[in-house]
Amino acid sequence: MIAASRAVIAFLAPVAVVGDTFLGTRQQSVSLEAIEDALAQELPNTAHVRAIREELKPMYSALPKNEEGQLEATTVRYALHRYFVQKYGWYIKGLDLQGTAAMNTSSTEVMKGLAPAFIMGWFEKRLHGKGLKLDDLAIFAATLSDLIYQEGLGSLQEVYLKLDMPTEDAASEVQFEQAMRAYFAELIVGQWSHFTGPNDVGALENDAREMLAEYDDTVMWISDLRKTRDFLESSRRNPFLQEGIAWDRAAEFVRELMQHFGGLTKTECTSLKEQFQAMEAPGTGRVLLSDFYGNAQLPMHESLAYLRNLGVLEEQGMQSPRIVMANYITSVSRCYPFSSYFSICCHDECEDLMGSLEHAIAAPQATPARIAEVVSGLSSEARPAPWDIPQKLLDRLDAIAKHHNGEVPLHGRLFMQWMHHAFPQECSFPHVSGTTSPVTQDEWLERHDALEDVLAPTSDREAHSMRRPEIHAGLDALPWTEVEELVASDKPSRGSSIVGKALRAFMGLTAVVSFALPLVRASTALFQPAEKDKSSHLV
């Protein structure tokens, strides 16, 4: 049963869970018809799409475009990933897929993690590979949201059926509370759940408590969220309607729950960051591995091999390796699977900084001076604005610009490395592609059958705890790799290129005319009869 579980949930409590957790009765695939229906629903430019469009607009303006002035597939995935992480804390599967999104399949279904790729392929065929405009990007985001909500509502509907609660009748508050507890418990226990009717709810919840120590606290939070919503809407509710919670209200609440669940992890993530800050070498965003293993207050102490796989360990040339705190806190190891479509992870504070920067720059690239002006006004917990950017960082910004004809691309690896140096506690160090391949705890255990968990053996923890250097390397020792990788290259649009050529031709013609006109006038004067000199009549 649950004793067979091996992985560890990073949030709320370090308790054991089983692979493929939190998938429950949710199918791993979605029909192509459902995806196309969701697209068709959003294509008429709904209010939902218009709202998302306004939210995406600042980022869209700053993203690199192709010759058509639109977004390429890689940039679309990058933009959607950032949008959902920033807005809801959703890390959606499939938004990091490499290569073309088109797929040739005779199947009527697609794995949910491939849904973004299918939608991308649909747009590329419809737009003949010209890329996505802002409206298209908003429709893409709205469609993904709809598919995610449909899954949540479908799961709740299954719970209703198992509890003999017809969706056409209003449920009592007691019934709805039981349904939500069963919904969440089944979400946790996943494929190992045995839930066929009301008599199974108690056992299902006990299994959930074994897998999530904070289960009851989470259920209380869910209940409080609903009661708060009901209170705020009480003045707008028709008092003559039947008492209870109608299916429409239940569906709206599940949507709100999915949107707000990311906030549940905030306390735990903040606590983890504070623990790292207490051990950090000031201003570096790094913690010695010896201090990490020696701190009994931390929820987990992963093995050296697993930390290497996550790309959070800095070892080269160091007596005691260091953990890069931003990389560790936002790693897949700390994520909370919530759906077949997405997981909830710690909020990436660098997204907030980048969002503010994009809003101010409103272009894919800028001069070092302009970037420095904006960044010096960005504020973080460790660097309240305004702050003076060290000369070494300014020099590196100039060096990046020299690689790119005098301007710095905002969506490249070198600039994100620069942001990591500017905000080491908030921005992760960007590894060169192919040098790391992080996996979840379950995936790691699937690769290593002999392991029972991802934790470091006591002997290893004790050995590394003794390897503490006398001097902790400072900010100047942070690694810097001269390797650039762009999300996409910003290319002048065909329209602007034609205008530019015409303008250059016009300016060239103007220069020729301005140079030739005096010559024409002079030559004309040579062939005209001389006028009588009137100056001789002046006295």
Protein backbone atom coordinates (compact mmCIF):
# COMPACT_ATOMS: atom_id res chain seq x y z
CA MET A 1 0.00 0.00 0.00
CA ILE A 2 1.36 3.42 0.91
CA ALA A 3 4.36 1.95 2.72
CA ALA A 4 5.72 1.18 -0.73
CA SER A 5 6.10 4.88 -1.46
CA ARG A 6 9.64 6.14 -1.84
CA ALA A 7 9.81 9.77 -2.93
CA VAL A 8 9.47 12.81 -0.73
CA ILE A 9 7.17 15.83 -1.02
CA ALA A 10 9.28 18.93 -0.62
CA PHE A 11 6.51 21.15 0.64
CA LEU A 12 4.56 21.28 3.87
CA ALA A 13 6.38 18.31 5.42
CA PRO A 14 9.10 15.83 4.41
CA VAL A 15 6.83 12.82 4.15
CA ALA A 16 7.01 9.88 1.76
CA VAL A 17 4.85 9.70 -1.34
CA VAL A 18 4.57 7.41 -4.32
CA GLY A 19 5.60 8.03 -7.92
CA ASP A 20 3.05 9.73 -10.19
CA THR A 21 1.45 11.27 -7.13
CA PHE A 22 -1.44 13.71 -7.23
CA LEU A 23 -2.74 12.37 -10.53
CA GLY A 24 -5.61 10.45 -8.97
CA THR A 25 -8.42 9.55 -11.35
CA ARG A 26 -7.16 12.16 -13.81
CA GLN A 27 -6.45 10.68 -17.22
CA GLN A 28 -2.93 11.06 -18.59
CA SER A 29 -4.25 11.95 -22.04
CA VAL A 30 -6.72 14.41 -23.48
CA SER A 31 -8.74 14.05 -26.67
CA LEU A 32 -7.78 16.15 -29.67
CA GLU A 33 -11.46 17.08 -29.93
CA ALA A 34 -11.34 18.56 -26.40
CA ILE A 35 -8.30 20.66 -27.31
CA GLU A 36 -9.90 21.89 -30.51
CA ASP A 37 -13.15 22.66 -28.67
CA ALA A 38 -11.21 24.71 -26.10
CA LEU A 39 -9.49 26.59 -28.92
CA ALA A 40 -12.79 27.23 -30.68
CA GLN A 41 -14.27 28.55 -27.46
CA GLU A 42 -11.54 31.20 -27.10
CA LEU A 43 -11.09 32.15 -30.76
CA PRO A 44 -13.91 34.74 -30.82
CA ASN A 45 -11.69 36.97 -28.65
CA THR A 46 -13.59 36.42 -25.40
CA ALA A 47 -13.36 38.62 -22.31
CA HIS A 48 -11.07 35.93 -20.88
CA VAL A 49 -8.71 36.32 -23.85
CA ARG A 50 -8.79 40.12 -23.70
CA ALA A 51 -7.87 40.09 -19.99
CA ILE A 52 -4.94 37.73 -20.62
CA ARG A 53 -3.88 39.87 -23.59
CA GLU A 54 -3.45 42.91 -21.36
CA GLU A 55 -1.44 40.86 -18.86
CA LEU A 56 0.85 39.51 -21.59
CA LYS A 57 1.31 42.81 -23.41
CA PRO A 58 4.38 44.15 -21.51
CA MET A 59 6.23 40.84 -21.86
CA TYR A 60 5.22 40.49 -25.51
CA SER A 61 6.59 43.94 -26.33
CA ALA A 62 9.96 42.99 -24.89
CA LEU A 63 10.27 39.55 -26.53
CA PRO A 64 12.36 38.97 -29.67
CA LYS A 65 10.32 38.71 -32.89
CA ASN A 66 10.85 37.06 -36.26
CA GLU A 67 10.81 38.76 -39.69
CA GLU A 68 7.01 38.91 -39.54
CA GLY A 69 7.17 40.81 -36.25
CA GLN A 70 5.72 37.78 -34.41
CA LEU A 71 6.86 35.12 -31.94
CA GLU A 72 8.60 31.90 -32.91
CA ALA A 73 7.65 28.59 -31.26
CA THR A 74 10.51 28.63 -28.74
CA THR A 75 9.62 32.16 -27.68
CA VAL A 76 5.95 31.23 -27.33
CA ARG A 77 6.77 28.39 -24.93
CA TYR A 78 9.13 30.68 -23.01
CA ALA A 79 6.46 33.40 -22.72
CA LEU A 80 3.68 31.04 -21.63
CA HIS A 81 5.91 29.35 -19.08
CA ARG A 82 6.73 32.69 -17.52
CA TYR A 83 3.12 33.88 -17.63
CA PHE A 84 1.69 30.89 -15.77
CA VAL A 85 4.57 30.78 -13.26
CA GLN A 86 4.16 34.47 -12.51
CA LYS A 87 0.37 34.51 -12.32
CA TYR A 88 -0.51 31.22 -10.63
CA GLY A 89 2.76 29.47 -9.76
CA TRP A 90 1.91 26.79 -12.37
CA TYR A 91 4.84 24.97 -13.96
CA ILE A 92 3.05 23.50 -16.98
CA LYS A 93 4.39 20.33 -18.54
CA GLY A 94 5.41 20.66 -22.17
CA LEU A 95 6.29 24.33 -22.23
CA ASP A 96 9.97 23.43 -22.17
CA LEU A 97 9.76 21.07 -25.18
CA GLN A 98 12.50 21.59 -27.74
CA GLY A 99 12.05 21.53 -31.49
CA THR A 100 8.95 21.84 -33.62
CA ALA A 101 5.55 21.43 -32.08
CA ALA A 102 3.97 19.79 -35.10
CA MET A 103 3.01 16.17 -34.67
CA ASN A 104 1.84 13.54 -37.08
CA THR A 105 -0.50 11.12 -35.35
CA SER A 106 -3.55 9.13 -36.22
CA SER A 107 -4.52 8.93 -32.57
CA THR A 108 -7.55 10.81 -31.27
CA GLU A 109 -5.77 11.59 -28.00
CA VAL A 110 -2.52 13.21 -26.89
CA MET A 111 -0.64 13.02 -23.61
CA LYS A 112 -1.47 16.07 -21.50
CA GLY A 113 2.19 17.01 -21.27
CA LEU A 114 2.17 17.28 -25.07
CA ALA A 115 -0.96 19.44 -25.24
CA PRO A 116 1.07 22.70 -25.54
CA ALA A 117 2.99 21.18 -28.46
CA PHE A 118 -0.23 20.16 -30.19
CA ILE A 119 -1.71 23.65 -29.75
CA MET A 120 1.53 25.18 -31.07
CA GLY A 121 1.33 22.93 -34.12
CA TRP A 122 -2.30 23.94 -34.65
CA PHE A 123 -1.33 27.63 -34.66
CA GLU A 124 1.64 27.05 -36.97
CA LYS A 125 -0.58 25.32 -39.52
CA ARG A 126 -3.28 27.99 -39.24
CA LEU A 127 -0.78 30.85 -39.50
CA HIS A 128 1.43 29.11 -42.10
CA GLY A 129 4.47 29.20 -39.84
CA LYS A 130 4.57 33.00 -39.61
CA GLY A 131 4.57 32.98 -35.81
CA LEU A 132 2.11 34.16 -33.18
CA LYS A 133 0.78 37.66 -32.62
CA LEU A 134 -0.20 38.95 -29.17
CA ASP A 135 -3.83 37.92 -29.71
CA ASP A 136 -2.75 34.40 -30.69
CA LEU A 137 -0.56 34.14 -27.60
CA ALA A 138 -3.48 35.18 -25.40
CA ILE A 139 -5.75 32.59 -27.06
CA PHE A 140 -3.06 29.94 -26.49
CA ALA A 141 -2.86 30.83 -22.78
CA ALA A 142 -6.65 30.90 -22.41
CA THR A 143 -6.95 27.48 -24.09
CA LEU A 144 -4.39 25.92 -21.74
CA SER A 145 -6.25 27.43 -18.77
CA ASP A 146 -9.52 25.97 -20.02
CA LEU A 147 -8.05 22.48 -20.42
CA ILE A 148 -6.64 22.62 -16.89
CA TYR A 149 -9.94 23.76 -15.41
CA GLN A 150 -11.82 21.10 -17.37
CA GLU A 151 -9.65 18.44 -15.79
CA GLY A 152 -10.35 19.81 -12.31
CA LEU A 153 -14.09 19.97 -12.93
CA GLY A 154 -14.10 16.49 -14.42
CA SER A 155 -12.39 15.12 -11.31
CA LEU A 156 -14.87 16.87 -9.02
CA GLN A 157 -17.75 15.51 -11.08
CA GLU A 158 -16.36 11.97 -10.62
CA VAL A 159 -16.29 12.57 -6.86
CA TYR A 160 -19.91 13.74 -6.96
CA LEU A 161 -20.94 10.56 -8.77
CA LYS A 162 -19.10 8.34 -6.27
CA LEU A 163 -20.82 10.15 -3.40
CA ASP A 164 -24.25 9.96 -5.08
CA MET A 165 -24.42 13.75 -5.33
CA PRO A 166 -26.23 14.72 -8.56
CA THR A 167 -24.83 17.85 -10.16
CA GLU A 168 -28.30 19.12 -11.08
CA ASP A 169 -29.26 19.52 -7.40
CA ALA A 170 -27.69 21.89 -4.89
CA ALA A 171 -25.44 20.16 -2.34
CA SER A 172 -25.64 20.95 1.35
CA GLU A 173 -22.61 22.55 2.93
CA VAL A 174 -21.80 19.28 4.73
CA GLN A 175 -22.02 17.33 1.47
CA PHE A 176 -19.83 19.80 -0.37
CA GLU A 177 -17.21 19.77 2.41
CA GLN A 178 -17.07 15.98 2.16
CA ALA A 179 -16.79 16.16 -1.62
CA MET A 180 -13.89 18.62 -1.42
CA ARG A 181 -12.09 16.47 1.17
CA ALA A 182 -12.48 13.41 -1.06
CA TYR A 183 -11.39 15.46 -4.10
CA PHE A 184 -8.20 16.62 -2.40
CA ALA A 185 -7.44 13.28 -0.71
CA GLU A 186 -7.75 11.45 -4.01
CA LEU A 187 -5.53 14.07 -5.59
CA ILE A 188 -2.84 13.21 -3.02
CA VAL A 189 -3.11 9.42 -2.95
CA GLY A 190 -3.27 9.20 -6.72
CA GLN A 191 -3.36 5.85 -8.50
CA TRP A 192 -3.13 3.98 -5.20
CA SER A 193 -6.45 5.33 -4.00
CA HIS A 194 -9.42 3.03 -3.42
CA PHE A 195 -12.44 5.28 -3.58
CA THR A 196 -15.69 3.97 -4.96
CA GLY A 197 -18.27 5.41 -2.56
CA PRO A 198 -19.03 7.30 0.68
CA ASN A 199 -17.76 4.47 2.88
CA ASP A 200 -14.24 4.81 1.42
CA VAL A 201 -13.74 8.49 2.29
CA GLY A 202 -12.41 7.86 5.81
CA ALA A 203 -9.78 5.37 4.65
CA LEU A 204 -8.89 7.61 1.71
CA GLU A 205 -8.22 10.54 4.05
CA ASN A 206 -6.11 8.37 6.36
CA ASP A 207 -3.98 7.36 3.38
CA ALA A 208 -3.67 11.04 2.44
CA ARG A 209 -2.51 11.92 5.96
CA GLU A 210 0.23 9.28 5.73
CA MET A 211 1.46 10.88 2.53
CA LEU A 212 0.99 14.52 3.51
CA ALA A 213 1.50 15.40 7.16
CA GLU A 214 -0.19 18.78 6.68
CA TYR A 215 -3.28 17.29 5.04
CA ASP A 216 -5.76 18.52 7.68
CA ASP A 217 -4.27 22.02 7.68
CA THR A 218 -4.55 22.13 3.90
CA VAL A 219 -8.17 20.99 3.98
CA MET A 220 -8.90 23.71 6.54
CA TRP A 221 -7.28 26.28 4.23
CA ILE A 222 -9.49 25.06 1.37
CA SER A 223 -12.59 25.37 3.55
CA ASP A 224 -11.60 28.87 4.70
CA LEU A 225 -11.03 29.93 1.09
CA ARG A 226 -14.57 28.86 0.15
CA LYS A 227 -16.19 30.50 3.19
CA THR A 228 -14.36 33.74 2.49
CA ARG A 229 -15.61 33.67 -1.09
CA ASP A 230 -19.18 32.96 0.05
CA PHE A 231 -19.06 35.85 2.51
CA LEU A 232 -17.81 38.31 -0.11
CA GLU A 233 -20.51 37.24 -2.55
CA SER A 234 -23.38 37.05 -0.04
CA SER A 235 -24.63 40.57 -0.86
CA ARG A 236 -24.90 39.66 -4.57
CA ARG A 237 -26.65 36.33 -4.09
CA ASN A 238 -30.40 36.01 -4.67
CA PRO A 239 -31.93 35.24 -1.23
CA PHE A 240 -34.95 33.56 -2.86
CA LEU A 241 -32.90 30.82 -4.52
CA GLN A 242 -32.68 27.40 -2.88
CA GLU A 243 -30.19 26.93 -0.07
CA GLY A 244 -27.04 24.94 -0.64
CA ILE A 245 -24.17 24.95 -3.10
CA ALA A 246 -25.24 24.57 -6.72
CA TRP A 247 -22.92 22.90 -9.24
CA ASP A 248 -22.11 26.25 -10.88
CA ARG A 249 -20.84 27.60 -7.54
CA ALA A 250 -18.90 24.39 -6.92
CA ALA A 251 -17.28 24.67 -10.36
CA GLU A 252 -16.35 28.32 -9.75
CA PHE A 253 -14.77 27.38 -6.45
CA VAL A 254 -12.62 24.63 -7.99
CA ARG A 255 -11.40 27.17 -10.54
CA GLU A 256 -10.52 29.60 -7.74
CA LEU A 257 -8.83 26.84 -5.74
CA MET A 258 -6.58 25.97 -8.67
CA GLN A 259 -5.69 29.63 -9.13
CA HIS A 260 -4.87 30.22 -5.47
CA PHE A 261 -3.21 26.95 -4.51
CA GLY A 262 0.17 28.32 -5.48
CA GLY A 263 -0.09 30.75 -2.55
CA LEU A 264 -0.32 27.85 -0.10
CA THR A 265 3.37 27.09 -0.59
CA LYS A 266 4.50 30.66 0.03
CA THR A 267 5.01 30.24 3.78
CA GLU A 268 7.06 27.08 3.37
CA CYS A 269 9.18 28.57 0.56
CA THR A 270 9.78 31.75 2.55
CA SER A 271 10.81 29.71 5.57
CA LEU A 272 13.24 27.68 3.45
CA LYS A 273 14.79 30.83 2.01
CA GLU A 274 15.22 32.32 5.49
CA GLN A 275 17.02 29.18 6.63
CA PHE A 276 19.40 29.48 3.68
CA GLN A 277 19.95 33.19 4.29
CA ALA A 278 21.05 32.40 7.85
CA MET A 279 23.83 30.18 6.43
CA GLU A 280 24.69 32.25 3.34
CA ALA A 281 28.04 33.86 2.68
CA PRO A 282 26.85 37.49 2.50
CA GLY A 283 25.82 38.62 -0.95
CA THR A 284 26.68 35.37 -2.74
CA GLY A 285 23.43 33.41 -2.73
CA ARG A 286 25.52 30.37 -1.75
CA VAL A 287 25.54 28.01 1.21
CA LEU A 288 28.37 25.63 2.03
CA LEU A 289 27.44 21.98 1.60
CA SER A 290 28.96 21.39 5.05
CA ASP A 291 26.51 23.91 6.57
CA PHE A 292 23.63 22.45 4.55
CA TYR A 293 24.28 18.93 5.81
CA GLY A 294 24.98 20.17 9.31
CA ASN A 295 21.67 22.04 9.69
CA ALA A 296 19.21 19.66 11.33
CA GLN A 297 16.38 22.20 10.94
CA LEU A 298 16.19 21.82 7.17
CA PRO A 299 13.33 19.62 5.91
CA MET A 300 15.56 17.56 3.61
CA HIS A 301 19.20 16.71 2.98
CA GLU A 302 19.40 15.28 -0.52
CA SER A 303 22.33 13.10 -1.61
CA LEU A 304 25.35 14.58 -3.35
CA ALA A 305 24.48 12.72 -6.57
CA TYR A 306 20.93 14.05 -6.61
CA LEU A 307 22.06 17.61 -5.86
CA ARG A 308 24.48 17.36 -8.80
CA ASN A 309 21.66 16.18 -11.03
CA LEU A 310 19.53 19.16 -10.01
CA GLY A 311 22.32 21.53 -11.03
CA VAL A 312 22.35 23.23 -7.63
CA LEU A 313 25.86 22.22 -6.55
CA GLU A 314 29.02 24.25 -7.13
CA GLU A 315 32.15 22.11 -6.71
CA GLN A 316 34.99 23.08 -9.03
CA GLY A 317 38.07 24.32 -7.17
CA MET A 318 36.41 24.36 -3.76
CA GLN A 319 37.36 22.62 -0.53
CA SER A 320 33.71 22.35 0.40
CA PRO A 321 31.11 22.46 -2.38
CA ARG A 322 28.41 25.12 -2.23
CA ILE A 323 24.68 25.01 -2.91
CA VAL A 324 23.26 27.79 -5.09
CA MET A 325 20.19 28.73 -3.07
CA ALA A 326 18.05 30.20 -5.88
CA ASN A 327 18.60 27.11 -8.03
CA TYR A 328 17.82 24.82 -5.09
CA ILE A 329 14.65 26.60 -3.93
CA THR A 330 13.14 26.70 -7.44
CA SER A 331 14.30 23.20 -8.46
CA VAL A 332 11.94 20.42 -9.56
CA SER A 333 12.73 18.66 -6.31
CA ARG A 334 10.70 21.28 -4.44
CA CYS A 335 7.64 21.07 -6.69
CA TYR A 336 4.16 19.99 -5.63
CA PRO A 337 2.37 18.01 -8.39
CA PHE A 338 -1.22 19.24 -8.56
CA SER A 339 -2.49 18.09 -11.94
CA SER A 340 -1.67 16.02 -14.98
CA TYR A 341 -0.90 19.37 -16.60
CA PHE A 342 1.17 21.24 -14.01
CA SER A 343 3.00 21.33 -10.70
CA ILE A 344 3.23 24.05 -8.06
CA CYS A 345 6.76 25.14 -7.17
CA CYS A 346 8.32 27.89 -5.09
CA HIS A 347 7.74 31.32 -6.57
CA ASP A 348 10.62 32.42 -8.79
CA GLU A 349 11.40 35.91 -7.52
CA CYS A 350 13.54 36.60 -10.58
CA GLU A 351 10.35 36.52 -12.66
CA ASP A 352 9.14 39.62 -10.80
CA LEU A 353 12.42 41.42 -11.45
CA MET A 354 12.40 40.47 -15.14
CA GLY A 355 8.76 41.53 -15.47
CA SER A 356 9.57 44.99 -14.11
CA LEU A 357 12.60 45.25 -16.38
CA GLU A 358 10.59 44.27 -19.47
CA HIS A 359 7.86 46.75 -18.61
CA ALA A 360 10.42 49.56 -18.38
CA ILE A 361 12.48 48.61 -21.45
CA ALA A 362 9.55 47.54 -23.70
CA ALA A 363 11.99 46.10 -26.25
CA PRO A 364 13.95 42.85 -26.73
CA GLN A 365 17.28 44.60 -26.15
CA ALA A 366 18.69 47.82 -24.72
CA THR A 367 21.96 49.65 -24.18
CA PRO A 368 24.02 48.84 -21.07
CA ALA A 369 23.38 52.34 -19.74
CA ARG A 370 19.59 51.97 -20.01
CA ILE A 371 19.62 48.52 -18.40
CA ALA A 372 21.83 49.74 -15.56
CA GLU A 373 19.47 52.68 -15.01
CA VAL A 374 16.45 50.38 -14.72
CA VAL A 375 18.13 47.61 -12.71
CA SER A 376 19.49 50.04 -10.14
CA GLY A 377 15.86 50.95 -9.46
CA LEU A 378 14.73 47.33 -9.00
CA SER A 379 14.29 46.25 -5.42
CA SER A 380 14.71 42.90 -3.68
CA GLU A 381 14.90 41.88 -0.06
CA ALA A 382 18.69 41.83 -0.19
CA ARG A 383 19.02 44.91 -2.44
CA PRO A 384 16.50 47.66 -1.66
CA ALA A 385 16.34 50.28 -4.40
CA PRO A 386 18.03 52.45 -5.34
CA TRP A 387 21.39 50.67 -5.22
CA ASP A 388 24.74 51.20 -6.91
CA ILE A 389 25.74 48.53 -9.41
CA PRO A 390 29.39 47.48 -8.86
CA GLN A 391 31.83 48.47 -11.60
CA LYS A 392 32.64 44.83 -12.31
CA LEU A 393 29.00 44.17 -13.19
CA LEU A 394 28.84 47.29 -15.36
CA ASP A 395 31.95 46.09 -17.22
CA ARG A 396 30.35 42.71 -17.81
CA LEU A 397 27.20 44.37 -19.12
CA ASP A 398 29.38 46.29 -21.59
CA ALA A 399 31.09 43.05 -22.58
CA ILE A 400 27.73 41.41 -23.32
CA ALA A 401 26.76 44.39 -25.46
CA LYS A 402 29.97 44.04 -27.50
CA HIS A 403 28.85 40.51 -28.43
CA HIS A 404 25.60 41.95 -29.77
CA ASN A 405 26.45 45.11 -31.68
CA GLY A 406 26.21 47.48 -28.74
CA GLU A 407 22.97 46.31 -27.11
CA VAL A 408 22.18 43.59 -24.58
CA PRO A 409 19.46 41.01 -25.41
CA LEU A 410 17.21 40.64 -22.36
CA HIS A 411 16.33 37.02 -23.11
CA GLY A 412 19.74 35.41 -23.38
CA ARG A 413 21.86 33.26 -21.11
CA LEU A 414 24.57 35.90 -20.61
CA PHE A 415 22.12 38.51 -19.38
CA MET A 416 20.41 36.00 -17.06
CA GLN A 417 23.87 35.15 -15.73
CA TRP A 418 24.38 38.87 -15.18
CA MET A 419 21.04 39.06 -13.33
CA HIS A 420 22.17 36.15 -11.15
CA HIS A 421 25.26 38.14 -10.18
CA ALA A 422 23.15 41.24 -9.55
CA PHE A 423 20.50 39.34 -7.54
CA PRO A 424 22.16 36.09 -6.39
CA GLN A 425 19.44 35.28 -3.85
CA GLU A 426 16.58 35.68 -6.31
CA CYS A 427 17.88 34.70 -9.78
CA SER A 428 19.09 31.19 -10.56
CA PHE A 429 22.44 30.58 -12.21
CA PRO A 430 21.69 29.66 -15.87
CA HIS A 431 23.53 26.50 -16.84
CA VAL A 432 24.64 25.97 -20.42
CA SER A 433 22.15 23.77 -22.25
CA GLY A 434 22.96 20.08 -22.04
CA THR A 435 25.18 20.34 -18.96
CA THR A 436 22.36 19.50 -16.54
CA SER A 437 19.26 17.31 -16.78
CA PRO A 438 17.33 17.69 -13.52
CA VAL A 439 14.62 15.18 -12.68
CA THR A 440 12.01 14.87 -9.95
CA GLN A 441 12.58 12.65 -6.96
CA ASP A 442 10.31 9.95 -8.37
CA GLU A 443 12.15 9.97 -11.69
CA TRP A 444 15.48 9.71 -9.87
CA LEU A 445 14.29 6.69 -7.92
CA GLU A 446 12.99 5.06 -11.08
CA ARG A 447 16.51 5.36 -12.50
CA HIS A 448 18.08 3.90 -9.34
CA ASP A 449 16.12 0.85 -8.23
CA ALA A 450 18.41 0.18 -5.27
CA LEU A 451 17.55 3.52 -3.63
CA GLU A 452 14.67 3.96 -1.22
CA ASP A 453 14.80 7.77 -1.20
CA VAL A 454 16.88 10.70 -2.44
CA LEU A 455 18.34 11.54 0.97
CA ALA A 456 22.06 11.55 1.76
CA PRO A 457 23.29 8.69 3.98
CA THR A 458 24.16 9.76 7.52
CA SER A 459 27.82 8.87 6.94
CA ASP A 460 28.03 11.22 3.94
CA ARG A 461 26.34 14.04 5.84
CA GLU A 462 28.76 13.68 8.74
CA ALA A 463 31.80 13.50 6.46
CA HIS A 464 30.88 16.65 4.52
CA SER A 465 29.86 18.51 7.67
CA MET A 466 33.50 18.30 8.79
CA ARG A 467 34.85 19.81 5.55
CA ARG A 468 34.28 23.44 6.39
CA PRO A 469 36.83 25.91 4.89
CA GLU A 470 38.23 28.75 6.94
CA ILE A 471 37.39 31.28 4.23
CA HIS A 472 34.03 31.38 2.48
CA ALA A 473 34.47 32.52 -1.14
CA GLY A 474 32.76 35.87 -1.72
CA LEU A 475 30.81 37.59 -4.48
CA ASP A 476 33.86 38.05 -6.72
CA ALA A 477 34.30 34.27 -6.88
CA LEU A 478 30.91 33.60 -8.46
CA PRO A 479 31.32 31.64 -11.69
CA TRP A 480 30.99 33.37 -15.05
CA THR A 481 30.79 31.40 -18.30
CA GLU A 482 31.22 33.19 -21.64
CA VAL A 483 28.57 31.16 -23.43
CA GLU A 484 25.56 32.86 -25.01
CA GLU A 485 22.22 31.18 -25.72
CA LEU A 486 19.28 33.25 -26.92
CA VAL A 487 15.62 32.32 -26.56
CA ALA A 488 15.37 33.63 -30.14
CA SER A 489 17.11 36.25 -32.25
CA ASP A 490 15.23 39.49 -32.72
CA LYS A 491 14.94 40.10 -36.45
CA PRO A 492 13.72 43.24 -38.19
CA SER A 493 10.26 42.72 -39.63
CA ARG A 494 9.85 42.71 -43.39
CA GLY A 495 7.73 45.81 -43.22
CA SER A 496 10.29 47.72 -41.22
CA SER A 497 13.04 46.41 -43.50
CA ILE A 498 11.26 47.76 -46.60
CA VAL A 499 10.61 51.07 -44.87
CA GLY A 500 14.22 51.16 -43.74
CA LYS A 501 15.50 50.57 -47.28
CA ALA A 502 13.15 53.21 -48.68
CA LEU A 503 14.23 55.65 -45.99
CA ARG A 504 17.90 54.99 -46.70
CA ALA A 505 17.29 55.48 -50.43
CA PHE A 506 15.42 58.72 -49.75
CA MET A 507 18.19 59.99 -47.47
CA GLY A 508 20.76 59.07 -50.09
CA LEU A 509 18.81 60.91 -52.79
CA THR A 510 18.45 63.91 -50.49
CA ALA A 511 22.19 63.95 -49.91
CA VAL A 512 22.87 63.81 -53.65
CA VAL A 513 20.38 66.59 -54.36
CA SER A 514 21.71 68.80 -51.54
CA PHE A 515 25.20 68.32 -52.90
CA ALA A 516 24.25 68.84 -56.55
CA LEU A 517 21.91 71.81 -56.17
CA PRO A 518 24.65 74.40 -55.55
CA LEU A 519 26.51 73.04 -58.58
CA VAL A 520 23.41 73.36 -60.74
CA ARG A 521 22.84 76.91 -59.57
CA ALA A 522 26.48 77.80 -60.20
CA SER A 523 26.48 76.30 -63.68
CA THR A 524 23.19 78.06 -64.50
CA ALA A 525 24.71 81.38 -63.51
CA LEU A 526 27.60 80.83 -65.95
CA PHE A 527 25.22 80.63 -68.92
CA GLN A 528 23.08 83.65 -67.97
CA PRO A 529 23.96 87.23 -69.15
CA ALA A 530 25.58 89.31 -66.44
CA GLU A 531 23.34 91.83 -64.72
CA LYS A 532 24.28 95.51 -64.45
CA ASP A 533 26.15 96.24 -61.24
CA LYS A 534 23.81 98.43 -59.24
CA SER A 535 26.28 99.01 -56.45
CA SER A 536 27.92 101.77 -58.50
CA HIS A 537 24.82 103.98 -58.18
CA LEU A 538 25.00 103.99 -54.37
CA VAL A 539 26.51 107.11 -52.83
